[in-house]
Amino acid sequence: MAKRKIVLLVVEGASDASLLVPAFSALIENRLFQGQEFHCDVLTAPNHREEFHRRNGFYPADKPSQTVRELVEYYLKDHDRTWGQLGHVIQICDLDGAFTPDDQVREDPSAKETLYSTTDIITTNRSALIADRTTKRNGVDALLKLDGFRKKQGGRTVLIPYRLFYVSRNLEHAFRGRTDNLDAQHKQSGAIKLADRFTQNPNLFSTTLQSLRRIHGNPATWEESWQYAMQDFHSLERGSNLAFVEPYLAGELQ
């Protein structure tokens, strides 16, 4: 029997990996799911180069695809893997309300943290957040055009397919309906508990993904899901397009 190809989930933090790697592993048994974490938002990383370097050990590139590629290289080196063992690279980002109109971002110096509602964002530094939103939108546009990573093997060039997916404001908002800002410990404990439920009942994970798709515009395709997310206030609303991961890996038309 041929070895299962690795599906590398590139996520923003430990809680994302703790939930999604075991949940997808239970749902799609013919693939080997692995996780690699960015300890920062790769889509806004060019605006936070020193913080990104401190958390990840290398400086981000101006092009998000190059930054993702470098993180994949780190994963392969750390786990003694090769590009030839990769079947797909799937990146999952938080929308963070990035596609809502900029005039819905309001500044409040007394706010202790960035606050999100379904119609606006309150922050202590509006100009910095506007800059991050612009960089994030441009990064998403670039990554949506990326079909994969090309790597020379022997005398030929192989393509490792890549696709970008989203959860709404963050993982906790999408899967747990949480609108507050949780600390890392609470994120991790909640993710582990939910992963346990999904691994024991993969059908529950599947129906949850379909529910998150339906409440976020009920798109018929992955392309439509991104079109919806970029309109009006939808990037502030609860939902996800992770329901399209399974058909994507199965090679079905979406």
Protein backbone atom coordinates (compact mmCIF):
# COMPACT_ATOMS: atom_id res chain seq x y z
CA MET A 1 0.00 0.00 0.00
CA ALA A 2 1.36 3.44 -0.94
CA LYS A 3 2.12 5.79 1.88
CA ARG A 4 -0.49 8.42 2.53
CA LYS A 5 0.43 11.86 1.28
CA ILE A 6 0.77 14.57 3.92
CA VAL A 7 -1.78 17.37 4.04
CA LEU A 8 -0.01 20.21 5.80
CA LEU A 9 -2.37 22.59 7.60
CA VAL A 10 -0.71 25.99 7.97
CA VAL A 11 -2.50 27.78 10.80
CA GLU A 12 -2.09 30.85 12.97
CA GLY A 13 -1.69 29.25 16.38
CA ALA A 14 -1.53 26.16 18.56
CA SER A 15 -5.27 25.99 19.23
CA ASP A 16 -6.03 25.92 15.49
CA ALA A 17 -3.72 22.94 15.03
CA SER A 18 -5.04 21.21 18.17
CA LEU A 19 -8.59 21.31 16.82
CA LEU A 20 -8.25 20.94 13.06
CA VAL A 21 -5.48 18.34 12.67
CA PRO A 22 -7.24 15.59 14.70
CA ALA A 23 -10.70 16.57 13.43
CA PHE A 24 -9.72 16.37 9.76
CA SER A 25 -7.68 13.22 10.43
CA ALA A 26 -10.78 11.48 11.74
CA LEU A 27 -12.97 12.78 8.91
CA ILE A 28 -10.62 12.03 6.00
CA GLU A 29 -8.78 8.83 6.87
CA ASN A 30 -6.88 8.35 3.59
CA ARG A 31 -4.69 11.41 4.20
CA LEU A 32 -2.05 12.16 6.82
CA PHE A 33 -2.83 15.54 8.34
CA GLN A 34 -0.06 17.52 9.98
CA GLY A 35 -0.03 21.04 11.38
CA GLN A 36 2.45 23.88 11.18
CA GLU A 37 1.82 27.05 13.13
CA PHE A 38 2.58 30.65 12.39
CA HIS A 39 2.81 32.44 15.70
CA CYS A 40 1.56 35.58 14.02
CA ASP A 41 -0.80 36.52 11.20
CA VAL A 42 1.20 35.80 8.03
CA LEU A 43 -1.05 38.15 6.08
CA THR A 44 -0.09 41.17 8.18
CA ALA A 45 3.46 39.99 8.95
CA PRO A 46 5.22 42.56 6.71
CA ASN A 47 3.90 45.25 9.07
CA HIS A 48 5.25 43.44 12.16
CA ARG A 49 8.60 42.11 11.01
CA GLU A 50 10.41 42.11 14.36
CA GLU A 51 7.53 40.48 16.23
CA PHE A 52 7.22 37.86 13.49
CA HIS A 53 10.95 37.14 13.65
CA ARG A 54 10.84 36.85 17.43
CA ARG A 55 7.98 34.36 17.30
CA ASN A 56 8.95 32.33 14.25
CA GLY A 57 12.72 32.59 13.92
CA PHE A 58 12.82 34.17 10.47
CA TYR A 59 11.77 37.45 8.88
CA PRO A 60 8.66 37.49 6.70
CA ALA A 61 8.95 38.18 2.98
CA ASP A 62 7.01 40.95 1.29
CA LYS A 63 5.16 38.26 -0.66
CA PRO A 64 3.01 36.08 1.63
CA SER A 65 3.51 33.06 -0.64
CA GLN A 66 7.25 33.20 0.02
CA THR A 67 6.67 33.40 3.77
CA VAL A 68 4.36 30.38 3.65
CA ARG A 69 6.88 28.50 1.54
CA GLU A 70 9.61 29.20 4.09
CA LEU A 71 7.42 27.91 6.90
CA VAL A 72 6.79 24.73 4.90
CA GLU A 73 10.56 24.36 4.55
CA TYR A 74 10.89 24.68 8.34
CA TYR A 75 8.27 21.97 8.83
CA LEU A 76 10.02 19.59 6.42
CA LYS A 77 13.40 20.15 8.07
CA ASP A 78 12.08 19.79 11.62
CA HIS A 79 10.19 16.58 10.82
CA ASP A 80 12.74 15.02 8.44
CA ARG A 81 10.27 15.10 5.57
CA THR A 82 10.66 15.94 1.89
CA TRP A 83 8.60 17.95 -0.58
CA GLY A 84 7.83 14.68 -2.33
CA GLN A 85 5.90 13.50 0.73
CA LEU A 86 3.55 16.49 0.63
CA GLY A 87 0.19 16.03 -1.05
CA HIS A 88 -1.32 19.45 -0.34
CA VAL A 89 -0.61 22.62 1.61
CA ILE A 90 -3.76 24.14 3.10
CA GLN A 91 -3.59 27.49 4.85
CA ILE A 92 -6.32 28.68 7.19
CA CYS A 93 -6.58 32.37 8.03
CA ASP A 94 -8.78 34.49 10.25
CA LEU A 95 -10.84 37.08 8.37
CA ASP A 96 -10.69 39.58 11.26
CA GLY A 97 -13.24 41.81 9.55
CA ALA A 98 -10.58 42.80 7.01
CA PHE A 99 -13.04 43.32 4.15
CA THR A 100 -15.49 45.60 5.94
CA PRO A 101 -15.33 49.26 4.85
CA ASP A 102 -12.51 51.19 6.51
CA ASP A 103 -14.96 53.82 7.75
CA GLN A 104 -16.38 51.17 10.09
CA VAL A 105 -13.08 51.15 12.03
CA ARG A 106 -13.34 53.56 14.97
CA GLU A 107 -10.66 54.69 17.38
CA ASP A 108 -11.16 54.68 21.13
CA PRO A 109 -7.99 55.33 23.18
CA SER A 110 -9.71 53.97 26.29
CA ALA A 111 -10.32 50.53 24.73
CA LYS A 112 -8.20 47.83 26.36
CA GLU A 113 -8.10 45.70 23.19
CA THR A 114 -9.51 45.61 19.67
CA LEU A 115 -13.26 44.98 19.86
CA TYR A 116 -15.36 43.49 17.08
CA SER A 117 -19.11 43.58 16.49
CA THR A 118 -21.09 42.52 13.44
CA THR A 119 -20.93 46.07 12.05
CA ASP A 120 -17.77 47.76 13.29
CA ILE A 121 -14.34 47.49 14.87
CA ILE A 122 -13.09 49.58 17.79
CA THR A 123 -9.35 49.94 18.24
CA THR A 124 -6.85 52.07 20.15
CA ASN A 125 -4.83 52.82 17.00
CA ARG A 126 -6.96 53.26 13.90
CA SER A 127 -4.15 54.08 11.48
CA ALA A 128 -2.18 50.96 12.43
CA LEU A 129 -5.25 48.74 12.04
CA ILE A 130 -6.12 50.30 8.70
CA ALA A 131 -2.58 49.55 7.52
CA ASP A 132 -2.91 45.91 8.67
CA ARG A 133 -6.27 45.55 6.95
CA THR A 134 -4.87 46.86 3.66
CA THR A 135 -1.89 44.50 3.86
CA LYS A 136 -4.18 41.58 4.74
CA ARG A 137 -6.55 42.22 1.84
CA ASN A 138 -3.63 42.41 -0.58
CA GLY A 139 -2.18 39.21 0.90
CA VAL A 140 -5.45 37.33 0.52
CA ASP A 141 -5.75 38.48 -3.09
CA ALA A 142 -2.24 37.17 -3.80
CA LEU A 143 -2.75 33.83 -2.05
CA LEU A 144 -6.08 33.16 -3.75
CA LYS A 145 -4.19 33.22 -7.06
CA LEU A 146 -1.56 30.75 -5.80
CA ASP A 147 -2.16 27.24 -7.16
CA GLY A 148 0.78 25.62 -5.40
CA PHE A 149 4.49 25.45 -4.70
CA ARG A 150 6.83 24.26 -7.44
CA LYS A 151 9.83 22.20 -6.47
CA LYS A 152 12.48 20.56 -8.62
CA GLN A 153 12.87 16.83 -8.01
CA GLY A 154 15.44 15.09 -10.11
CA GLY A 155 15.02 16.34 -13.64
CA ARG A 156 11.43 17.49 -13.29
CA THR A 157 9.42 20.14 -11.53
CA VAL A 158 6.52 19.01 -9.35
CA LEU A 159 3.63 21.10 -8.09
CA ILE A 160 2.44 20.79 -4.47
CA PRO A 161 -1.14 22.11 -4.58
CA TYR A 162 -2.03 24.98 -2.23
CA ARG A 163 -5.32 26.59 -1.24
CA LEU A 164 -6.37 29.26 1.24
CA PHE A 165 -9.41 28.80 3.50
CA TYR A 166 -10.88 30.96 6.25
CA VAL A 167 -12.62 31.03 9.58
CA SER A 168 -14.52 34.20 10.48
CA ARG A 169 -13.01 36.47 13.10
CA ASN A 170 -11.05 33.57 14.53
CA LEU A 171 -11.37 29.88 15.29
CA GLU A 172 -13.27 30.43 18.55
CA HIS A 173 -15.75 32.74 16.87
CA ALA A 174 -16.43 30.27 14.07
CA PHE A 175 -16.63 27.01 16.01
CA ARG A 176 -17.76 28.16 19.45
CA GLY A 177 -19.58 31.41 18.79
CA ARG A 178 -17.24 33.26 21.14
CA THR A 179 -17.03 37.01 20.55
CA ASP A 180 -14.70 37.82 23.47
CA ASN A 181 -10.92 37.79 23.31
CA LEU A 182 -9.71 34.59 24.99
CA ASP A 183 -6.19 34.03 26.29
CA ALA A 184 -4.01 31.27 24.84
CA GLN A 185 -4.78 28.82 27.66
CA HIS A 186 -8.54 29.11 27.21
CA LYS A 187 -8.20 28.84 23.42
CA GLN A 188 -6.14 25.68 23.75
CA SER A 189 -8.35 23.97 26.33
CA GLY A 190 -11.48 24.74 24.29
CA ALA A 191 -9.86 23.46 21.10
CA ILE A 192 -8.79 20.19 22.72
CA LYS A 193 -12.28 19.54 24.12
CA LEU A 194 -13.90 20.23 20.76
CA ALA A 195 -11.32 18.10 18.92
CA ASP A 196 -12.17 15.20 21.23
CA ARG A 197 -15.85 15.51 20.33
CA PHE A 198 -15.09 15.66 16.60
CA THR A 199 -12.68 12.71 16.62
CA GLN A 200 -15.22 10.57 18.44
CA ASN A 201 -17.92 11.68 16.00
CA PRO A 202 -16.47 12.73 12.61
CA ASN A 203 -19.97 13.20 11.25
CA LEU A 204 -20.48 15.95 13.84
CA PHE A 205 -17.42 17.72 12.46
CA SER A 206 -18.73 17.38 8.92
CA THR A 207 -22.19 18.71 9.81
CA THR A 208 -20.60 21.57 11.77
CA LEU A 209 -18.53 22.59 8.73
CA GLN A 210 -21.63 22.49 6.54
CA SER A 211 -23.52 24.61 9.06
CA LEU A 212 -20.72 27.20 9.12
CA ARG A 213 -20.83 27.27 5.31
CA ARG A 214 -24.59 27.75 5.20
CA ILE A 215 -24.69 30.60 7.72
CA HIS A 216 -21.94 32.39 5.80
CA GLY A 217 -23.78 32.94 2.54
CA ASN A 218 -24.46 29.28 1.70
CA PRO A 219 -21.95 29.35 -1.18
CA ALA A 220 -21.93 26.50 -3.68
CA THR A 221 -18.20 26.73 -4.39
CA TRP A 222 -14.94 27.73 -2.72
CA GLU A 223 -14.69 30.69 -5.10
CA GLU A 224 -18.17 31.87 -4.15
CA SER A 225 -17.32 31.60 -0.46
CA TRP A 226 -14.50 34.12 -0.86
CA GLN A 227 -16.66 36.43 -2.94
CA TYR A 228 -19.22 36.46 -0.15
CA ALA A 229 -16.61 37.00 2.57
CA MET A 230 -15.31 40.09 0.80
CA GLN A 231 -18.71 41.80 0.60
CA ASP A 232 -20.35 44.21 3.06
CA PHE A 233 -19.86 43.18 6.73
CA HIS A 234 -19.55 39.45 6.10
CA SER A 235 -15.92 39.22 7.23
CA LEU A 236 -17.16 40.18 10.71
CA GLU A 237 -19.88 37.52 10.75
CA ARG A 238 -19.61 33.99 12.03
CA GLY A 239 -18.82 31.29 9.48
CA SER A 240 -16.16 29.39 7.56
CA ASN A 241 -15.48 27.81 4.16
CA LEU A 242 -13.67 24.77 5.59
CA ALA A 243 -16.50 22.60 4.27
CA PHE A 244 -14.73 22.82 0.90
CA VAL A 245 -11.55 21.14 2.18
CA GLU A 246 -12.86 17.58 1.78
CA PRO A 247 -14.06 17.95 -1.84
CA TYR A 248 -10.88 19.84 -2.69
CA LEU A 249 -8.71 16.97 -1.46
CA ALA A 250 -10.94 14.49 -3.27
CA GLY A 251 -10.33 16.40 -6.49
CA GLU A 252 -13.98 17.12 -7.06
CA LEU A 253 -15.11 20.12 -9.03
CA GLN A 254 -16.15 22.93 -6.71
